[in-house]
PDB file of N, CA and C in Angstrom:
ATOM      1  N   UNK A   1       2.483  -2.794  -2.519  1.00  0.00           N
ATOM      2  CA  UNK A   1       2.090  -2.758  -3.892  1.00  0.00           C
ATOM      3  C   UNK A   1       0.616  -3.149  -3.986  1.00  0.00           C
ATOM      4  N   UNK A   2      -0.171  -2.399  -4.675  1.00  0.00           N
ATOM      5  CA  UNK A   2      -1.601  -2.664  -4.856  1.00  0.00           C
ATOM      6  C   UNK A   2      -2.330  -2.892  -3.536  1.00  0.00           C
ATOM      7  N   UNK A   3      -1.916  -2.188  -2.490  1.00  0.00           N
ATOM      8  CA  UNK A   3      -2.588  -2.299  -1.206  1.00  0.00           C
ATOM      9  C   UNK A   3      -2.179  -3.497  -0.375  1.00  0.00           C
ATOM     10  N   UNK A   4      -1.179  -4.283  -0.841  1.00  0.00           N
ATOM     11  CA  UNK A   4      -0.698  -5.437  -0.091  1.00  0.00           C
ATOM     12  C   UNK A   4       0.679  -5.115   0.452  1.00  0.00           C
ATOM     13  N   UNK A   5       0.879  -5.335   1.736  1.00  0.00           N
ATOM     14  CA  UNK A   5       2.156  -5.064   2.375  1.00  0.00           C
ATOM     15  C   UNK A   5       2.925  -6.359   2.531  1.00  0.00           C
ATOM     16  N   UNK A   6       4.165  -6.402   2.043  1.00  0.00           N
ATOM     17  CA  UNK A   6       5.025  -7.574   2.217  1.00  0.00           C
ATOM     18  C   UNK A   6       5.894  -7.353   3.439  1.00  0.00           C
ATOM     19  N   UNK A   7       5.945  -8.341   4.305  1.00  0.00           N
ATOM     20  CA  UNK A   7       6.767  -8.279   5.505  1.00  0.00           C
ATOM     21  C   UNK A   7       7.845  -9.344   5.368  1.00  0.00           C
ATOM     22  N   UNK A   8       9.105  -8.955   5.491  1.00  0.00           N
ATOM     23  CA  UNK A   8      10.212  -9.891   5.342  1.00  0.00           C
ATOM     24  C   UNK A   8      10.783 -10.245   6.703  1.00  0.00           C
ATOM     25  N   UNK A   9      10.931 -11.542   6.959  1.00  0.00           N
ATOM     26  CA  UNK A   9      11.518 -12.036   8.199  1.00  0.00           C
ATOM     27  C   UNK A   9      12.696 -12.907   7.777  1.00  0.00           C
ATOM     28  N   UNK A  10      13.921 -12.397   7.936  1.00  0.00           N
ATOM     29  CA  UNK A  10      15.094 -13.119   7.447  1.00  0.00           C
ATOM     30  C   UNK A  10      15.011 -13.232   5.941  1.00  0.00           C
ATOM     31  N   UNK A  11      15.194 -14.439   5.419  1.00  0.00           N
ATOM     32  CA  UNK A  11      15.117 -14.668   3.978  1.00  0.00           C
ATOM     33  C   UNK A  11      13.711 -15.051   3.529  1.00  0.00           C
ATOM     34  N   UNK A  12      12.763 -15.051   4.445  1.00  0.00           N
ATOM     35  CA  UNK A  12      11.400 -15.458   4.133  1.00  0.00           C
ATOM     36  C   UNK A  12      10.479 -14.245   4.131  1.00  0.00           C
ATOM     37  N   UNK A  13       9.382 -14.354   3.444  1.00  0.00           N
ATOM     38  CA  UNK A  13       8.423 -13.256   3.421  1.00  0.00           C
ATOM     39  C   UNK A  13       7.051 -13.745   3.853  1.00  0.00           C
ATOM     40  N   UNK A  14       6.325 -12.847   4.435  1.00  0.00           N
ATOM     41  CA  UNK A  14       4.959 -13.133   4.862  1.00  0.00           C
ATOM     42  C   UNK A  14       4.074 -12.066   4.225  1.00  0.00           C
ATOM     43  N   UNK A  15       3.048 -12.492   3.507  1.00  0.00           N
ATOM     44  CA  UNK A  15       2.185 -11.548   2.800  1.00  0.00           C
ATOM     45  C   UNK A  15       0.735 -11.770   3.206  1.00  0.00           C
ATOM     46  N   UNK A  16       0.037 -10.711   3.637  1.00  0.00           N
ATOM     47  CA  UNK A  16      -1.396 -10.879   3.856  1.00  0.00           C
ATOM     48  C   UNK A  16      -2.093 -11.067   2.513  1.00  0.00           C
ATOM     49  N   UNK A  17      -2.914 -12.079   2.394  1.00  0.00           N
ATOM     50  CA  UNK A  17      -3.611 -12.361   1.142  1.00  0.00           C
ATOM     51  C   UNK A  17      -4.646 -11.288   0.851  1.00  0.00           C
ATOM     52  N   UNK A  18      -5.554 -11.117   1.764  1.00  0.00           N
ATOM     53  CA  UNK A  18      -6.601 -10.115   1.564  1.00  0.00           C
ATOM     54  C   UNK A  18      -7.400  -9.991   2.850  1.00  0.00           C
ATOM     55  N   UNK A  19      -8.145  -8.940   2.910  1.00  0.00           N
ATOM     56  CA  UNK A  19      -9.061  -8.753   4.026  1.00  0.00           C
ATOM     57  C   UNK A  19     -10.404  -9.344   3.628  1.00  0.00           C
ATOM     58  N   UNK A  20     -11.004 -10.098   4.527  1.00  0.00           N
ATOM     59  CA  UNK A  20     -12.356 -10.603   4.331  1.00  0.00           C
ATOM     60  C   UNK A  20     -13.225  -9.945   5.387  1.00  0.00           C
ATOM     61  N   UNK A  21     -14.380  -9.450   4.995  1.00  0.00           N
ATOM     62  CA  UNK A  21     -15.267  -8.773   5.938  1.00  0.00           C
ATOM     63  C   UNK A  21     -16.606  -9.505   5.974  1.00  0.00           C
ATOM     64  N   UNK A  22     -16.981  -9.970   7.174  1.00  0.00           N
ATOM     65  CA  UNK A  22     -18.288 -10.602   7.395  1.00  0.00           C
ATOM     66  C   UNK A  22     -18.875  -9.971   8.638  1.00  0.00           C
ATOM     67  N   UNK A  23     -20.078  -9.471   8.531  1.00  0.00           N
ATOM     68  CA  UNK A  23     -20.767  -8.856   9.677  1.00  0.00           C
ATOM     69  C   UNK A  23     -19.898  -7.808  10.360  1.00  0.00           C
ATOM     70  N   UNK A  24     -19.234  -6.968   9.585  1.00  0.00           N
ATOM     71  CA  UNK A  24     -18.345  -5.884  10.045  1.00  0.00           C
ATOM     72  C   UNK A  24     -17.104  -6.362  10.781  1.00  0.00           C
ATOM     73  N   UNK A  25     -16.785  -7.645  10.730  1.00  0.00           N
ATOM     74  CA  UNK A  25     -15.558  -8.158  11.348  1.00  0.00           C
ATOM     75  C   UNK A  25     -14.541  -8.409  10.238  1.00  0.00           C
ATOM     76  N   UNK A  26     -13.369  -7.777  10.357  1.00  0.00           N
ATOM     77  CA  UNK A  26     -12.316  -7.921   9.354  1.00  0.00           C
ATOM     78  C   UNK A  26     -11.426  -9.102   9.723  1.00  0.00           C
ATOM     79  N   UNK A  27     -11.210  -9.995   8.759  1.00  0.00           N
ATOM     80  CA  UNK A  27     -10.319 -11.141   8.940  1.00  0.00           C
ATOM     81  C   UNK A  27      -9.201 -11.030   7.917  1.00  0.00           C
ATOM     82  N   UNK A  28      -7.954 -11.130   8.372  1.00  0.00           N
ATOM     83  CA  UNK A  28      -6.797 -11.034   7.488  1.00  0.00           C
ATOM     84  C   UNK A  28      -5.951 -12.293   7.658  1.00  0.00           C
ATOM     85  N   UNK A  29      -5.596 -12.935   6.533  1.00  0.00           N
ATOM     86  CA  UNK A  29      -4.773 -14.137   6.561  1.00  0.00           C
ATOM     87  C   UNK A  29      -3.354 -13.792   6.143  1.00  0.00           C
ATOM     88  N   UNK A  30      -2.381 -14.423   6.801  1.00  0.00           N
ATOM     89  CA  UNK A  30      -0.969 -14.216   6.504  1.00  0.00           C
ATOM     90  C   UNK A  30      -0.364 -15.520   5.997  1.00  0.00           C
ATOM     91  N   UNK A  31       0.528 -15.404   5.033  1.00  0.00           N
ATOM     92  CA  UNK A  31       1.134 -16.562   4.387  1.00  0.00           C
ATOM     93  C   UNK A  31       2.650 -16.499   4.462  1.00  0.00           C
ATOM     94  N   UNK A  32       3.284 -17.656   4.502  1.00  0.00           N
ATOM     95  CA  UNK A  32       4.719 -17.807   4.273  1.00  0.00           C
ATOM     96  C   UNK A  32       4.792 -18.652   3.010  1.00  0.00           C
ATOM     97  N   UNK A  33       5.123 -18.027   1.891  1.00  0.00           N
ATOM     98  CA  UNK A  33       5.016 -18.711   0.607  1.00  0.00           C
ATOM     99  C   UNK A  33       3.548 -18.956   0.324  1.00  0.00           C
ATOM    100  N   UNK A  34       3.172 -20.218   0.135  1.00  0.00           N
ATOM    101  CA  UNK A  34       1.764 -20.543  -0.127  1.00  0.00           C
ATOM    102  C   UNK A  34       1.071 -21.148   1.098  1.00  0.00           C
ATOM    103  N   UNK A  35       1.765 -21.173   2.234  1.00  0.00           N
ATOM    104  CA  UNK A  35       1.206 -21.766   3.448  1.00  0.00           C
ATOM    105  C   UNK A  35       0.566 -20.706   4.332  1.00  0.00           C
ATOM    106  N   UNK A  36      -0.710 -20.902   4.670  1.00  0.00           N
ATOM    107  CA  UNK A  36      -1.429 -19.988   5.558  1.00  0.00           C
ATOM    108  C   UNK A  36      -0.915 -20.232   6.972  1.00  0.00           C
ATOM    109  N   UNK A  37      -0.313 -19.206   7.597  1.00  0.00           N
ATOM    110  CA  UNK A  37       0.315 -19.415   8.901  1.00  0.00           C
ATOM    111  C   UNK A  37      -0.331 -18.639  10.042  1.00  0.00           C
ATOM    112  N   UNK A  38      -1.118 -17.618   9.725  1.00  0.00           N
ATOM    113  CA  UNK A  38      -1.719 -16.820  10.802  1.00  0.00           C
ATOM    114  C   UNK A  38      -2.998 -16.168  10.314  1.00  0.00           C
ATOM    115  N   UNK A  39      -3.838 -15.812  11.274  1.00  0.00           N
ATOM    116  CA  UNK A  39      -5.080 -15.108  10.979  1.00  0.00           C
ATOM    117  C   UNK A  39      -5.253 -14.006  12.018  1.00  0.00           C
ATOM    118  N   UNK A  40      -5.635 -12.831  11.549  1.00  0.00           N
ATOM    119  CA  UNK A  40      -5.964 -11.726  12.449  1.00  0.00           C
ATOM    120  C   UNK A  40      -7.445 -11.445  12.256  1.00  0.00           C
ATOM    121  N   UNK A  41      -8.218 -11.707  13.313  1.00  0.00           N
ATOM    122  CA  UNK A  41      -9.664 -11.516  13.244  1.00  0.00           C
ATOM    123  C   UNK A  41     -10.073 -10.572  14.350  1.00  0.00           C
ATOM    124  N   UNK A  42     -10.744  -9.514  13.960  1.00  0.00           N
ATOM    125  CA  UNK A  42     -11.219  -8.513  14.915  1.00  0.00           C
ATOM    126  C   UNK A  42     -10.077  -8.010  15.802  1.00  0.00           C
ATOM    127  N   UNK A  43      -8.887  -7.868  15.193  1.00  0.00           N
ATOM    128  CA  UNK A  43      -7.731  -7.329  15.897  1.00  0.00           C
ATOM    129  C   UNK A  43      -6.906  -8.332  16.678  1.00  0.00           C
ATOM    130  N   UNK A  44      -7.354  -9.591  16.763  1.00  0.00           N
ATOM    131  CA  UNK A  44      -6.635 -10.611  17.525  1.00  0.00           C
ATOM    132  C   UNK A  44      -5.860 -11.519  16.576  1.00  0.00           C
ATOM    133  N   UNK A  45      -4.556 -11.673  16.817  1.00  0.00           N
ATOM    134  CA  UNK A  45      -3.696 -12.507  15.979  1.00  0.00           C
ATOM    135  C   UNK A  45      -3.593 -13.912  16.554  1.00  0.00           C
ATOM    136  N   UNK A  46      -3.842 -14.913  15.707  1.00  0.00           N
ATOM    137  CA  UNK A  46      -3.659 -16.321  16.072  1.00  0.00           C
ATOM    138  C   UNK A  46      -2.821 -16.992  14.996  1.00  0.00           C
ATOM    139  N   UNK A  47      -1.931 -17.880  15.421  1.00  0.00           N
ATOM    140  CA  UNK A  47      -1.123 -18.651  14.485  1.00  0.00           C
ATOM    141  C   UNK A  47      -1.814 -19.975  14.213  1.00  0.00           C
ATOM    142  N   UNK A  48      -1.790 -20.408  12.945  1.00  0.00           N
ATOM    143  CA  UNK A  48      -2.475 -21.621  12.514  1.00  0.00           C
ATOM    144  C   UNK A  48      -1.468 -22.758  12.385  1.00  0.00           C
ATOM    145  N   UNK A  49      -1.731 -23.861  13.054  1.00  0.00           N
ATOM    146  CA  UNK A  49      -0.887 -25.047  12.955  1.00  0.00           C
ATOM    147  C   UNK A  49      -1.693 -26.124  12.246  1.00  0.00           C
ATOM    148  N   UNK A  50      -1.056 -26.802  11.298  1.00  0.00           N
ATOM    149  CA  UNK A  50      -1.757 -27.773  10.464  1.00  0.00           C
ATOM    150  C   UNK A  50      -1.278 -29.189  10.734  1.00  0.00           C
ATOM    151  N   UNK A  51      -2.140 -30.153  10.393  1.00  0.00           N
ATOM    152  CA  UNK A  51      -1.744 -31.555  10.479  1.00  0.00           C
ATOM    153  C   UNK A  51      -1.098 -31.984   9.159  1.00  0.00           C
ATOM    154  N   UNK A  52      -0.873 -33.277   8.991  1.00  0.00           N
ATOM    155  CA  UNK A  52      -0.191 -33.797   7.804  1.00  0.00           C
ATOM    156  C   UNK A  52      -0.988 -33.616   6.512  1.00  0.00           C
ATOM    157  N   UNK A  53      -2.283 -33.352   6.594  1.00  0.00           N
ATOM    158  CA  UNK A  53      -3.105 -33.113   5.406  1.00  0.00           C
ATOM    159  C   UNK A  53      -3.257 -31.627   5.088  1.00  0.00           C
ATOM    160  N   UNK A  54      -2.727 -30.773   5.953  1.00  0.00           N
ATOM    161  CA  UNK A  54      -2.882 -29.337   5.767  1.00  0.00           C
ATOM    162  C   UNK A  54      -4.132 -28.788   6.423  1.00  0.00           C
ATOM    163  N   UNK A  55      -4.815 -29.617   7.210  1.00  0.00           N
ATOM    164  CA  UNK A  55      -6.020 -29.163   7.911  1.00  0.00           C
ATOM    165  C   UNK A  55      -5.639 -28.290   9.095  1.00  0.00           C
ATOM    166  N   UNK A  56      -6.360 -27.190   9.282  1.00  0.00           N
ATOM    167  CA  UNK A  56      -6.140 -26.343  10.459  1.00  0.00           C
ATOM    168  C   UNK A  56      -6.540 -27.148  11.682  1.00  0.00           C
ATOM    169  N   UNK A  57      -5.565 -27.457  12.541  1.00  0.00           N
ATOM    170  CA  UNK A  57      -5.878 -28.312  13.680  1.00  0.00           C
ATOM    171  C   UNK A  57      -5.656 -27.646  15.028  1.00  0.00           C
ATOM    172  N   UNK A  58      -4.788 -26.630  15.086  1.00  0.00           N
ATOM    173  CA  UNK A  58      -4.525 -25.934  16.348  1.00  0.00           C
ATOM    174  C   UNK A  58      -4.280 -24.466  16.048  1.00  0.00           C
ATOM    175  N   UNK A  59      -4.786 -23.587  16.911  1.00  0.00           N
ATOM    176  CA  UNK A  59      -4.410 -22.176  16.845  1.00  0.00           C
ATOM    177  C   UNK A  59      -3.747 -21.809  18.161  1.00  0.00           C
ATOM    178  N   UNK A  60      -2.764 -20.916  18.050  1.00  0.00           N
ATOM    179  CA  UNK A  60      -2.072 -20.424  19.241  1.00  0.00           C
ATOM    180  C   UNK A  60      -2.087 -18.909  19.221  1.00  0.00           C
ATOM    181  N   UNK A  61      -1.926 -18.314  20.391  1.00  0.00           N
ATOM    182  CA  UNK A  61      -1.840 -16.856  20.454  1.00  0.00           C
ATOM    183  C   UNK A  61      -0.388 -16.435  20.262  1.00  0.00           C
ATOM    184  N   UNK A  62      -0.110 -15.151  20.372  1.00  0.00           N
ATOM    185  CA  UNK A  62       1.239 -14.627  20.148  1.00  0.00           C
ATOM    186  C   UNK A  62       2.251 -15.170  21.146  1.00  0.00           C
ATOM    187  N   UNK A  63       1.797 -15.645  22.303  1.00  0.00           N
ATOM    188  CA  UNK A  63       2.692 -16.217  23.313  1.00  0.00           C
ATOM    189  C   UNK A  63       2.912 -17.710  23.122  1.00  0.00           C
ATOM    190  N   UNK A  64       2.233 -18.314  22.145  1.00  0.00           N
ATOM    191  CA  UNK A  64       2.376 -19.743  21.884  1.00  0.00           C
ATOM    192  C   UNK A  64       1.410 -20.621  22.642  1.00  0.00           C
ATOM    193  N   UNK A  65       0.514 -20.030  23.414  1.00  0.00           N
ATOM    194  CA  UNK A  65      -0.477 -20.812  24.160  1.00  0.00           C
ATOM    195  C   UNK A  65      -1.610 -21.244  23.231  1.00  0.00           C
ATOM    196  N   UNK A  66      -2.039 -22.500  23.357  1.00  0.00           N
ATOM    197  CA  UNK A  66      -3.119 -23.022  22.520  1.00  0.00           C
ATOM    198  C   UNK A  66      -4.415 -22.284  22.825  1.00  0.00           C
ATOM    199  N   UNK A  67      -5.091 -21.829  21.765  1.00  0.00           N
ATOM    200  CA  UNK A  67      -6.370 -21.147  21.935  1.00  0.00           C
ATOM    201  C   UNK A  67      -7.540 -21.998  21.453  1.00  0.00           C
ATOM    202  N   UNK A  68      -7.270 -22.935  20.529  1.00  0.00           N
ATOM    203  CA  UNK A  68      -8.323 -23.807  20.015  1.00  0.00           C
ATOM    204  C   UNK A  68      -7.690 -24.997  19.309  1.00  0.00           C
ATOM    205  N   UNK A  69      -8.485 -26.063  19.147  1.00  0.00           N
ATOM    206  CA  UNK A  69      -8.008 -27.223  18.398  1.00  0.00           C
ATOM    207  C   UNK A  69      -9.197 -27.931  17.759  1.00  0.00           C
ATOM    208  N   UNK A  70      -8.909 -28.698  16.712  1.00  0.00           N
ATOM    209  CA  UNK A  70      -9.947 -29.456  16.018  1.00  0.00           C
ATOM    210  C   UNK A  70      -9.339 -30.730  15.447  1.00  0.00           C
ATOM    211  N   UNK A  71     -10.151 -31.775  15.402  1.00  0.00           N
ATOM    212  CA  UNK A  71      -9.769 -33.035  14.769  1.00  0.00           C
ATOM    213  C   UNK A  71     -10.839 -33.377  13.745  1.00  0.00           C
ATOM    214  N   UNK A  72     -10.440 -34.046  12.674  1.00  0.00           N
ATOM    215  CA  UNK A  72     -11.359 -34.374  11.593  1.00  0.00           C
ATOM    216  C   UNK A  72     -11.392 -35.876  11.373  1.00  0.00           C
ATOM    217  N   UNK A  73     -12.548 -36.382  10.960  1.00  0.00           N
ATOM    218  CA  UNK A  73     -12.670 -37.789  10.580  1.00  0.00           C
ATOM    219  C   UNK A  73     -12.003 -37.978   9.219  1.00  0.00           C
ATOM    220  N   UNK A  74     -11.890 -39.214   8.780  1.00  0.00           N
ATOM    221  CA  UNK A  74     -11.139 -39.541   7.563  1.00  0.00           C
ATOM    222  C   UNK A  74     -11.596 -38.773   6.324  1.00  0.00           C
ATOM    223  N   UNK A  75     -12.881 -38.501   6.194  1.00  0.00           N
ATOM    224  CA  UNK A  75     -13.379 -37.836   4.998  1.00  0.00           C
ATOM    225  C   UNK A  75     -13.762 -36.380   5.222  1.00  0.00           C
ATOM    226  N   UNK A  76     -13.342 -35.799   6.350  1.00  0.00           N
ATOM    227  CA  UNK A  76     -13.495 -34.371   6.541  1.00  0.00           C
ATOM    228  C   UNK A  76     -14.538 -33.902   7.522  1.00  0.00           C
ATOM    229  N   UNK A  77     -15.358 -34.776   8.009  1.00  0.00           N
ATOM    230  CA  UNK A  77     -16.343 -34.367   9.007  1.00  0.00           C
ATOM    231  C   UNK A  77     -15.605 -34.007  10.299  1.00  0.00           C
ATOM    232  N   UNK A  78     -16.035 -32.950  10.967  1.00  0.00           N
ATOM    233  CA  UNK A  78     -15.383 -32.542  12.209  1.00  0.00           C
ATOM    234  C   UNK A  78     -15.673 -33.569  13.290  1.00  0.00           C
ATOM    235  N   UNK A  79     -14.601 -34.089  13.914  1.00  0.00           N
ATOM    236  CA  UNK A  79     -14.734 -35.098  14.961  1.00  0.00           C
ATOM    237  C   UNK A  79     -14.732 -34.476  16.345  1.00  0.00           C
ATOM    238  N   UNK A  80     -13.923 -33.422  16.525  1.00  0.00           N
ATOM    239  CA  UNK A  80     -13.747 -32.825  17.852  1.00  0.00           C
ATOM    240  C   UNK A  80     -13.318 -31.372  17.696  1.00  0.00           C
ATOM    241  N   UNK A  81     -13.863 -30.496  18.514  1.00  0.00           N
ATOM    242  CA  UNK A  81     -13.392 -29.109  18.566  1.00  0.00           C
ATOM    243  C   UNK A  81     -13.279 -28.672  20.016  1.00  0.00           C
ATOM    244  N   UNK A  82     -12.293 -27.850  20.248  1.00  0.00           N
ATOM    245  CA  UNK A  82     -12.092 -27.250  21.566  1.00  0.00           C
ATOM    246  C   UNK A  82     -11.796 -25.780  21.313  1.00  0.00           C
ATOM    247  N   UNK A  83     -12.760 -24.918  21.523  1.00  0.00           N
ATOM    248  CA  UNK A  83     -12.599 -23.498  21.228  1.00  0.00           C
ATOM    249  C   UNK A  83     -12.947 -23.190  19.780  1.00  0.00           C
ATOM    250  N   UNK A  84     -12.663 -21.962  19.357  1.00  0.00           N
ATOM    251  CA  UNK A  84     -12.975 -21.497  18.010  1.00  0.00           C
ATOM    252  C   UNK A  84     -11.677 -21.249  17.258  1.00  0.00           C
ATOM    253  N   UNK A  85     -11.477 -21.934  16.128  1.00  0.00           N
ATOM    254  CA  UNK A  85     -10.250 -21.777  15.345  1.00  0.00           C
ATOM    255  C   UNK A  85     -10.116 -20.388  14.720  1.00  0.00           C
ATOM    256  N   UNK A  86     -11.197 -19.641  14.637  1.00  0.00           N
ATOM    257  CA  UNK A  86     -11.201 -18.295  14.043  1.00  0.00           C
ATOM    258  C   UNK A  86     -10.744 -18.276  12.595  1.00  0.00           C
ATOM    259  N   UNK A  87     -11.007 -19.344  11.870  1.00  0.00           N
ATOM    260  CA  UNK A  87     -10.692 -19.391  10.450  1.00  0.00           C
ATOM    261  C   UNK A  87     -11.774 -20.178   9.723  1.00  0.00           C
ATOM    262  N   UNK A  88     -12.000 -19.834   8.464  1.00  0.00           N
ATOM    263  CA  UNK A  88     -12.930 -20.589   7.627  1.00  0.00           C
ATOM    264  C   UNK A  88     -12.205 -21.689   6.870  1.00  0.00           C
ATOM    265  N   UNK A  89     -10.878 -21.705   6.924  1.00  0.00           N
ATOM    266  CA  UNK A  89     -10.066 -22.677   6.190  1.00  0.00           C
ATOM    267  C   UNK A  89      -9.720 -23.821   7.131  1.00  0.00           C
ATOM    268  N   UNK A  90     -10.373 -24.954   6.956  1.00  0.00           N
ATOM    269  CA  UNK A  90     -10.266 -26.039   7.937  1.00  0.00           C
ATOM    270  C   UNK A  90      -9.762 -27.329   7.304  1.00  0.00           C
ATOM    271  N   UNK A  91     -10.637 -28.270   6.947  1.00  0.00           N
ATOM    272  CA  UNK A  91     -10.210 -29.580   6.446  1.00  0.00           C
ATOM    273  C   UNK A  91      -9.359 -29.425   5.189  1.00  0.00           C
ATOM    274  N   UNK A  92      -8.177 -29.975   5.207  1.00  0.00           N
ATOM    275  CA  UNK A  92      -7.154 -29.886   4.149  1.00  0.00           C
ATOM    276  C   UNK A  92      -6.878 -28.452   3.705  1.00  0.00           C
ATOM    277  N   UNK A  93      -7.177 -27.496   4.559  1.00  0.00           N
ATOM    278  CA  UNK A  93      -6.916 -26.096   4.256  1.00  0.00           C
ATOM    279  C   UNK A  93      -7.934 -25.455   3.332  1.00  0.00           C
ATOM    280  N   UNK A  94      -9.065 -26.119   3.113  1.00  0.00           N
ATOM    281  CA  UNK A  94     -10.094 -25.588   2.214  1.00  0.00           C
ATOM    282  C   UNK A  94     -11.088 -24.745   3.002  1.00  0.00           C
ATOM    283  N   UNK A  95     -11.712 -23.808   2.290  1.00  0.00           N
ATOM    284  CA  UNK A  95     -12.664 -22.891   2.927  1.00  0.00           C
ATOM    285  C   UNK A  95     -13.992 -23.598   3.197  1.00  0.00           C
ATOM    286  N   UNK A  96     -14.429 -23.515   4.446  1.00  0.00           N
ATOM    287  CA  UNK A  96     -15.710 -24.108   4.830  1.00  0.00           C
ATOM    288  C   UNK A  96     -16.810 -23.058   4.760  1.00  0.00           C
ATOM    289  N   UNK A  97     -17.918 -23.425   4.171  1.00  0.00           N
ATOM    290  CA  UNK A  97     -19.125 -22.608   4.213  1.00  0.00           C
ATOM    291  C   UNK A  97     -19.897 -23.111   5.425  1.00  0.00           C
ATOM    292  N   UNK A  98     -19.647 -22.468   6.574  1.00  0.00           N
ATOM    293  CA  UNK A  98     -20.131 -22.971   7.865  1.00  0.00           C
ATOM    294  C   UNK A  98     -21.645 -23.136   7.917  1.00  0.00           C
ATOM    295  N   UNK A  99     -22.383 -22.238   7.280  1.00  0.00           N
ATOM    296  CA  UNK A  99     -23.845 -22.326   7.345  1.00  0.00           C
ATOM    297  C   UNK A  99     -24.373 -23.577   6.642  1.00  0.00           C
ATOM    298  N   UNK A 100     -23.599 -24.120   5.702  1.00  0.00           N
ATOM    299  CA  UNK A 100     -24.012 -25.320   4.978  1.00  0.00           C
ATOM    300  C   UNK A 100     -23.236 -26.561   5.409  1.00  0.00           C
ATOM    301  N   UNK A 101     -22.098 -26.369   6.075  1.00  0.00           N
ATOM    302  CA  UNK A 101     -21.278 -27.497   6.505  1.00  0.00           C
ATOM    303  C   UNK A 101     -20.548 -28.185   5.372  1.00  0.00           C
ATOM    304  N   UNK A 102     -20.243 -27.444   4.299  1.00  0.00           N
ATOM    305  CA  UNK A 102     -19.522 -28.013   3.159  1.00  0.00           C
ATOM    306  C   UNK A 102     -18.286 -27.169   2.859  1.00  0.00           C
ATOM    307  N   UNK A 103     -17.352 -27.767   2.116  1.00  0.00           N
ATOM    308  CA  UNK A 103     -16.080 -27.117   1.794  1.00  0.00           C
ATOM    309  C   UNK A 103     -15.994 -26.809   0.311  1.00  0.00           C
ATOM    310  N   UNK A 104     -15.332 -25.691  -0.010  1.00  0.00           N
ATOM    311  CA  UNK A 104     -15.110 -25.328  -1.407  1.00  0.00           C
ATOM    312  C   UNK A 104     -13.695 -25.726  -1.789  1.00  0.00           C
ATOM    313  N   UNK A 105     -13.559 -26.667  -2.715  1.00  0.00           N
ATOM    314  CA  UNK A 105     -12.270 -27.170  -3.174  1.00  0.00           C
ATOM    315  C   UNK A 105     -11.888 -26.537  -4.511  1.00  0.00           C
ATOM    316  N   UNK A 106     -11.872 -25.228  -4.566  1.00  0.00           N
ATOM    317  CA  UNK A 106     -11.432 -24.432  -5.714  1.00  0.00           C
ATOM    318  C   UNK A 106     -12.325 -24.520  -6.946  1.00  0.00           C
ATOM    319  N   UNK A 107     -12.942 -25.652  -7.215  1.00  0.00           N
ATOM    320  CA  UNK A 107     -13.811 -25.728  -8.385  1.00  0.00           C
ATOM    321  C   UNK A 107     -15.113 -26.479  -8.115  1.00  0.00           C
ATOM    322  N   UNK A 108     -15.203 -27.103  -6.952  1.00  0.00           N
ATOM    323  CA  UNK A 108     -16.436 -27.820  -6.617  1.00  0.00           C
ATOM    324  C   UNK A 108     -16.583 -27.919  -5.106  1.00  0.00           C
ATOM    325  N   UNK A 109     -17.777 -28.257  -4.692  1.00  0.00           N
ATOM    326  CA  UNK A 109     -18.106 -28.319  -3.268  1.00  0.00           C
ATOM    327  C   UNK A 109     -17.983 -29.750  -2.768  1.00  0.00           C
ATOM    328  N   UNK A 110     -17.585 -29.894  -1.487  1.00  0.00           N
ATOM    329  CA  UNK A 110     -17.361 -31.201  -0.872  1.00  0.00           C
ATOM    330  C   UNK A 110     -18.091 -31.269   0.465  1.00  0.00           C
ATOM    331  N   UNK A 111     -18.774 -32.389   0.704  1.00  0.00           N
ATOM    332  CA  UNK A 111     -19.479 -32.606   1.965  1.00  0.00           C
ATOM    333  C   UNK A 111     -18.765 -33.706   2.741  1.00  0.00           C
ATOM    334  N   UNK A 112     -18.127 -33.342   3.858  1.00  0.00           N
ATOM    335  CA  UNK A 112     -17.390 -34.302   4.667  1.00  0.00           C
ATOM    336  C   UNK A 112     -18.271 -35.352   5.313  1.00  0.00           C
ATOM    337  N   UNK A 113     -19.525 -35.016   5.618  1.00  0.00           N
ATOM    338  CA  UNK A 113     -20.413 -36.007   6.235  1.00  0.00           C
ATOM    339  C   UNK A 113     -20.819 -37.085   5.230  1.00  0.00           C
ATOM    340  N   UNK A 114     -20.858 -36.728   3.942  1.00  0.00           N
ATOM    341  CA  UNK A 114     -21.139 -37.714   2.894  1.00  0.00           C
ATOM    342  C   UNK A 114     -19.859 -38.362   2.382  1.00  0.00           C
ATOM    343  N   UNK A 115     -18.734 -37.656   2.544  1.00  0.00           N
ATOM    344  CA  UNK A 115     -17.459 -38.157   2.049  1.00  0.00           C
ATOM    345  C   UNK A 115     -17.358 -38.112   0.539  1.00  0.00           C
ATOM    346  N   UNK A 116     -18.015 -37.115  -0.067  1.00  0.00           N
ATOM    347  CA  UNK A 116     -17.964 -37.009  -1.531  1.00  0.00           C
ATOM    348  C   UNK A 116     -18.237 -35.586  -1.990  1.00  0.00           C
ATOM    349  N   UNK A 117     -17.908 -35.341  -3.251  1.00  0.00           N
ATOM    350  CA  UNK A 117     -18.163 -34.040  -3.856  1.00  0.00           C
ATOM    351  C   UNK A 117     -19.620 -33.953  -4.278  1.00  0.00           C
ATOM    352  N   UNK A 118     -20.145 -32.738  -4.259  1.00  0.00           N
ATOM    353  CA  UNK A 118     -21.552 -32.527  -4.620  1.00  0.00           C
ATOM    354  C   UNK A 118     -21.672 -32.127  -6.073  1.00  0.00           C
TER     355      UNK A 118
END
């Protein structure tokens, strides 16, 4: 419907939200309900695993092998990364503007290094 394909797995559904295109690379996010569970970037599918705050902390490939991981400090600054998560949605599941190092929290911007909204 309207260019969005719904995929049903058992009693659950997974819906791609939308395609995002940056520098000719297409990124597609998949959801189970309102939870972002996978990302397909440049044809490669990775599953997103979150911590207790909803932050993207681990990605795995289709075989379940870890491809990347990240840890965050208490207020959102990145503490550790191993590999590339291949997603812009990181601390608490919010979209990071990587060139500025800040997050968009639906109505305002947040800087994890300052620990406050801008």
